[in-house]
Amino acid sequence: MSFARSGLTAPWQDRSGSLLEFAEACDVPVRWSCRTGVCQTCESGLLSGEVGYDPEPIDPPADGNVLICSAHPGGPLVLDL
């Protein structure tokens, strides 16, 4: 799991929660509001990799973006954070 802007790479673990929770645990600056995929505030660039959602967002993010509040990685991932 890599955060491109922050220059940080850290190993993802299943107990890490959402990408938002993982970023916060790594002290990566993030924006958020609802934590459920509704408000779109946490929408961030997905530079490489694939994600899954739990819960699924009501409105999906734009192509090339991810809602980090309800997403988890589906393998190696690079975010524009």
N, C-alpha and C. Protein backbone atom coordinates (compact mmCIF):
# COMPACT_ATOMS: atom_id res chain seq x y z
N MET A 1 0.85 -1.16 0.00
CA MET A 1 0.00 0.00 0.00
C MET A 1 0.90 1.22 0.00
N SER A 2 0.77 2.06 -1.04
CA SER A 2 1.62 3.24 -1.14
C SER A 2 0.80 4.52 -1.24
N PHE A 3 1.31 5.56 -0.61
CA PHE A 3 0.74 6.90 -0.68
C PHE A 3 1.75 7.76 -1.43
N ALA A 4 1.46 8.06 -2.70
CA ALA A 4 2.42 8.70 -3.58
C ALA A 4 2.87 10.08 -3.09
N ARG A 5 1.95 10.96 -2.79
CA ARG A 5 2.32 12.33 -2.37
C ARG A 5 3.09 12.34 -1.06
N SER A 6 2.72 11.45 -0.15
CA SER A 6 3.37 11.39 1.16
C SER A 6 4.68 10.63 1.12
N GLY A 7 4.92 9.90 0.02
CA GLY A 7 6.15 9.13 -0.08
C GLY A 7 6.22 7.99 0.92
N LEU A 8 5.08 7.44 1.27
CA LEU A 8 5.02 6.40 2.30
C LEU A 8 4.49 5.10 1.72
N THR A 9 5.13 4.02 2.08
CA THR A 9 4.65 2.68 1.74
C THR A 9 4.58 1.89 3.03
N ALA A 10 3.45 1.22 3.24
CA ALA A 10 3.26 0.44 4.46
C ALA A 10 2.49 -0.83 4.12
N PRO A 11 2.74 -1.92 4.83
CA PRO A 11 2.03 -3.17 4.54
C PRO A 11 0.58 -3.11 5.00
N TRP A 12 -0.33 -3.48 4.10
CA TRP A 12 -1.75 -3.56 4.44
C TRP A 12 -2.00 -4.85 5.19
N GLN A 13 -2.86 -4.78 6.18
CA GLN A 13 -3.30 -5.97 6.90
C GLN A 13 -4.81 -5.96 6.92
N ASP A 14 -5.43 -7.13 6.86
CA ASP A 14 -6.89 -7.21 6.80
C ASP A 14 -7.57 -6.47 7.93
N ARG A 15 -6.93 -6.37 9.06
CA ARG A 15 -7.55 -5.68 10.20
C ARG A 15 -7.40 -4.16 10.12
N SER A 16 -6.81 -3.66 9.03
CA SER A 16 -6.57 -2.23 8.88
C SER A 16 -7.85 -1.42 8.70
N GLY A 17 -8.97 -2.05 8.38
CA GLY A 17 -10.22 -1.33 8.17
C GLY A 17 -10.31 -0.78 6.76
N SER A 18 -10.80 0.43 6.64
CA SER A 18 -10.91 1.07 5.32
C SER A 18 -9.59 1.72 4.95
N LEU A 19 -9.49 2.13 3.70
CA LEU A 19 -8.29 2.88 3.28
C LEU A 19 -8.16 4.18 4.06
N LEU A 20 -9.27 4.80 4.40
CA LEU A 20 -9.25 6.02 5.21
C LEU A 20 -8.64 5.74 6.57
N GLU A 21 -9.10 4.69 7.24
CA GLU A 21 -8.57 4.35 8.55
C GLU A 21 -7.09 4.01 8.48
N PHE A 22 -6.69 3.33 7.42
CA PHE A 22 -5.28 2.98 7.25
C PHE A 22 -4.44 4.23 7.03
N ALA A 23 -4.92 5.15 6.19
CA ALA A 23 -4.20 6.40 5.95
C ALA A 23 -4.06 7.20 7.24
N GLU A 24 -5.12 7.28 8.02
CA GLU A 24 -5.05 7.99 9.30
C GLU A 24 -4.04 7.34 10.24
N ALA A 25 -4.01 6.02 10.28
CA ALA A 25 -3.05 5.32 11.14
C ALA A 25 -1.61 5.57 10.71
N CYS A 26 -1.43 5.86 9.42
CA CYS A 26 -0.09 6.15 8.88
C CYS A 26 0.22 7.65 8.89
N ASP A 27 -0.65 8.46 9.49
CA ASP A 27 -0.50 9.92 9.55
C ASP A 27 -0.45 10.58 8.18
N VAL A 28 -1.18 10.02 7.22
CA VAL A 28 -1.30 10.60 5.89
C VAL A 28 -2.48 11.57 5.93
N PRO A 29 -2.28 12.83 5.51
CA PRO A 29 -3.38 13.80 5.53
C PRO A 29 -4.50 13.37 4.57
N VAL A 30 -5.73 13.34 5.07
CA VAL A 30 -6.89 12.93 4.28
C VAL A 30 -8.07 13.85 4.60
N ARG A 31 -8.99 13.92 3.63
CA ARG A 31 -10.24 14.66 3.84
C ARG A 31 -11.36 13.63 3.94
N TRP A 32 -12.32 13.88 4.82
CA TRP A 32 -13.45 12.98 4.96
C TRP A 32 -14.57 13.69 5.69
N SER A 33 -15.75 13.10 5.65
CA SER A 33 -16.88 13.63 6.40
C SER A 33 -17.77 12.51 6.90
N CYS A 34 -18.37 11.73 5.98
CA CYS A 34 -19.40 10.77 6.39
C CYS A 34 -18.88 9.39 6.78
N ARG A 35 -17.79 8.95 6.20
CA ARG A 35 -17.21 7.61 6.43
C ARG A 35 -18.07 6.47 5.91
N THR A 36 -19.02 6.76 5.01
CA THR A 36 -19.89 5.71 4.48
C THR A 36 -20.01 5.74 2.97
N GLY A 37 -19.28 6.59 2.28
CA GLY A 37 -19.34 6.64 0.82
C GLY A 37 -20.48 7.46 0.27
N VAL A 38 -21.06 8.34 1.08
CA VAL A 38 -22.20 9.13 0.64
C VAL A 38 -21.78 10.54 0.20
N CYS A 39 -20.94 11.20 0.95
CA CYS A 39 -20.66 12.63 0.74
C CYS A 39 -19.62 12.92 -0.35
N GLN A 40 -18.81 11.94 -0.72
CA GLN A 40 -17.77 12.09 -1.74
C GLN A 40 -16.58 12.95 -1.29
N THR A 41 -16.54 13.41 -0.05
CA THR A 41 -15.45 14.27 0.44
C THR A 41 -14.10 13.56 0.39
N CYS A 42 -14.09 12.26 0.61
CA CYS A 42 -12.84 11.51 0.69
C CYS A 42 -12.34 11.02 -0.67
N GLU A 43 -13.01 11.40 -1.75
CA GLU A 43 -12.62 10.92 -3.08
C GLU A 43 -11.17 11.30 -3.36
N SER A 44 -10.37 10.30 -3.68
CA SER A 44 -8.93 10.47 -3.89
C SER A 44 -8.51 9.75 -5.16
N GLY A 45 -7.37 10.17 -5.70
CA GLY A 45 -6.86 9.56 -6.92
C GLY A 45 -6.33 8.16 -6.69
N LEU A 46 -6.70 7.27 -7.58
CA LEU A 46 -6.21 5.89 -7.57
C LEU A 46 -5.20 5.77 -8.71
N LEU A 47 -3.92 5.74 -8.36
CA LEU A 47 -2.86 5.73 -9.37
C LEU A 47 -2.62 4.34 -9.94
N SER A 48 -2.77 3.31 -9.12
CA SER A 48 -2.68 1.94 -9.62
C SER A 48 -3.30 0.99 -8.61
N GLY A 49 -3.79 -0.12 -9.12
CA GLY A 49 -4.40 -1.14 -8.28
C GLY A 49 -5.92 -1.13 -8.40
N GLU A 50 -6.53 -2.02 -7.64
CA GLU A 50 -7.98 -2.17 -7.64
C GLU A 50 -8.48 -2.19 -6.20
N VAL A 51 -9.71 -1.71 -6.02
CA VAL A 51 -10.31 -1.68 -4.69
C VAL A 51 -11.68 -2.35 -4.71
N GLY A 52 -12.12 -2.73 -3.52
CA GLY A 52 -13.47 -3.19 -3.29
C GLY A 52 -14.11 -2.27 -2.28
N TYR A 53 -15.42 -2.29 -2.18
CA TYR A 53 -16.12 -1.40 -1.25
C TYR A 53 -16.98 -2.19 -0.28
N ASP A 54 -17.05 -1.68 0.96
CA ASP A 54 -17.93 -2.22 1.97
C ASP A 54 -18.23 -1.10 2.97
N PRO A 55 -19.36 -0.46 2.85
CA PRO A 55 -20.47 -0.71 1.93
C PRO A 55 -20.20 -0.11 0.55
N GLU A 56 -20.96 -0.59 -0.42
CA GLU A 56 -20.88 -0.04 -1.78
C GLU A 56 -21.36 1.41 -1.74
N PRO A 57 -20.65 2.33 -2.42
CA PRO A 57 -21.10 3.72 -2.43
C PRO A 57 -22.40 3.88 -3.22
N ILE A 58 -23.22 4.84 -2.80
CA ILE A 58 -24.46 5.14 -3.51
C ILE A 58 -24.13 5.68 -4.90
N ASP A 59 -23.20 6.61 -4.97
CA ASP A 59 -22.70 7.14 -6.25
C ASP A 59 -21.23 6.77 -6.35
N PRO A 60 -20.84 6.01 -7.37
CA PRO A 60 -19.43 5.64 -7.50
C PRO A 60 -18.57 6.87 -7.79
N PRO A 61 -17.29 6.81 -7.42
CA PRO A 61 -16.39 7.92 -7.70
C PRO A 61 -16.11 8.02 -9.20
N ALA A 62 -15.55 9.15 -9.60
CA ALA A 62 -15.15 9.33 -11.00
C ALA A 62 -14.09 8.30 -11.38
N ASP A 63 -14.00 8.00 -12.67
CA ASP A 63 -12.97 7.07 -13.15
C ASP A 63 -11.60 7.54 -12.67
N GLY A 64 -10.81 6.60 -12.19
CA GLY A 64 -9.47 6.92 -11.71
C GLY A 64 -9.44 7.41 -10.27
N ASN A 65 -10.59 7.39 -9.59
CA ASN A 65 -10.66 7.82 -8.20
C ASN A 65 -11.23 6.71 -7.34
N VAL A 66 -11.13 6.90 -6.03
CA VAL A 66 -11.64 5.92 -5.07
C VAL A 66 -12.20 6.68 -3.87
N LEU A 67 -13.25 6.15 -3.28
CA LEU A 67 -13.79 6.69 -2.02
C LEU A 67 -13.11 5.92 -0.89
N ILE A 68 -12.09 6.54 -0.30
CA ILE A 68 -11.26 5.82 0.66
C ILE A 68 -11.98 5.46 1.96
N CYS A 69 -13.10 6.11 2.25
CA CYS A 69 -13.79 5.85 3.52
C CYS A 69 -14.42 4.47 3.58
N SER A 70 -14.77 3.90 2.43
CA SER A 70 -15.41 2.58 2.45
C SER A 70 -14.70 1.57 1.55
N ALA A 71 -13.51 1.91 1.09
CA ALA A 71 -12.76 1.04 0.19
C ALA A 71 -11.68 0.26 0.93
N HIS A 72 -11.34 -0.88 0.35
CA HIS A 72 -10.21 -1.68 0.82
C HIS A 72 -9.47 -2.18 -0.43
N PRO A 73 -8.18 -2.41 -0.33
CA PRO A 73 -7.42 -2.81 -1.51
C PRO A 73 -7.72 -4.24 -1.96
N GLY A 74 -7.66 -4.44 -3.27
CA GLY A 74 -7.80 -5.77 -3.84
C GLY A 74 -6.45 -6.33 -4.25
N GLY A 75 -5.39 -5.77 -3.74
CA GLY A 75 -4.01 -6.14 -4.05
C GLY A 75 -3.14 -4.92 -3.87
N PRO A 76 -1.93 -4.91 -4.44
CA PRO A 76 -1.06 -3.74 -4.33
C PRO A 76 -1.78 -2.49 -4.86
N LEU A 77 -1.57 -1.38 -4.15
CA LEU A 77 -2.34 -0.17 -4.43
C LEU A 77 -1.46 1.06 -4.26
N VAL A 78 -1.65 2.05 -5.14
CA VAL A 78 -0.99 3.34 -4.99
C VAL A 78 -2.06 4.42 -5.05
N LEU A 79 -2.15 5.22 -3.99
CA LEU A 79 -3.11 6.32 -3.92
C LEU A 79 -2.40 7.65 -4.05
N ASP A 80 -3.09 8.62 -4.60
CA ASP A 80 -2.55 9.97 -4.77
C ASP A 80 -2.80 10.76 -3.49
N LEU A 81 -2.22 10.31 -2.42
CA LEU A 81 -2.32 10.98 -1.12
C LEU A 81 -0.94 11.16 -0.53
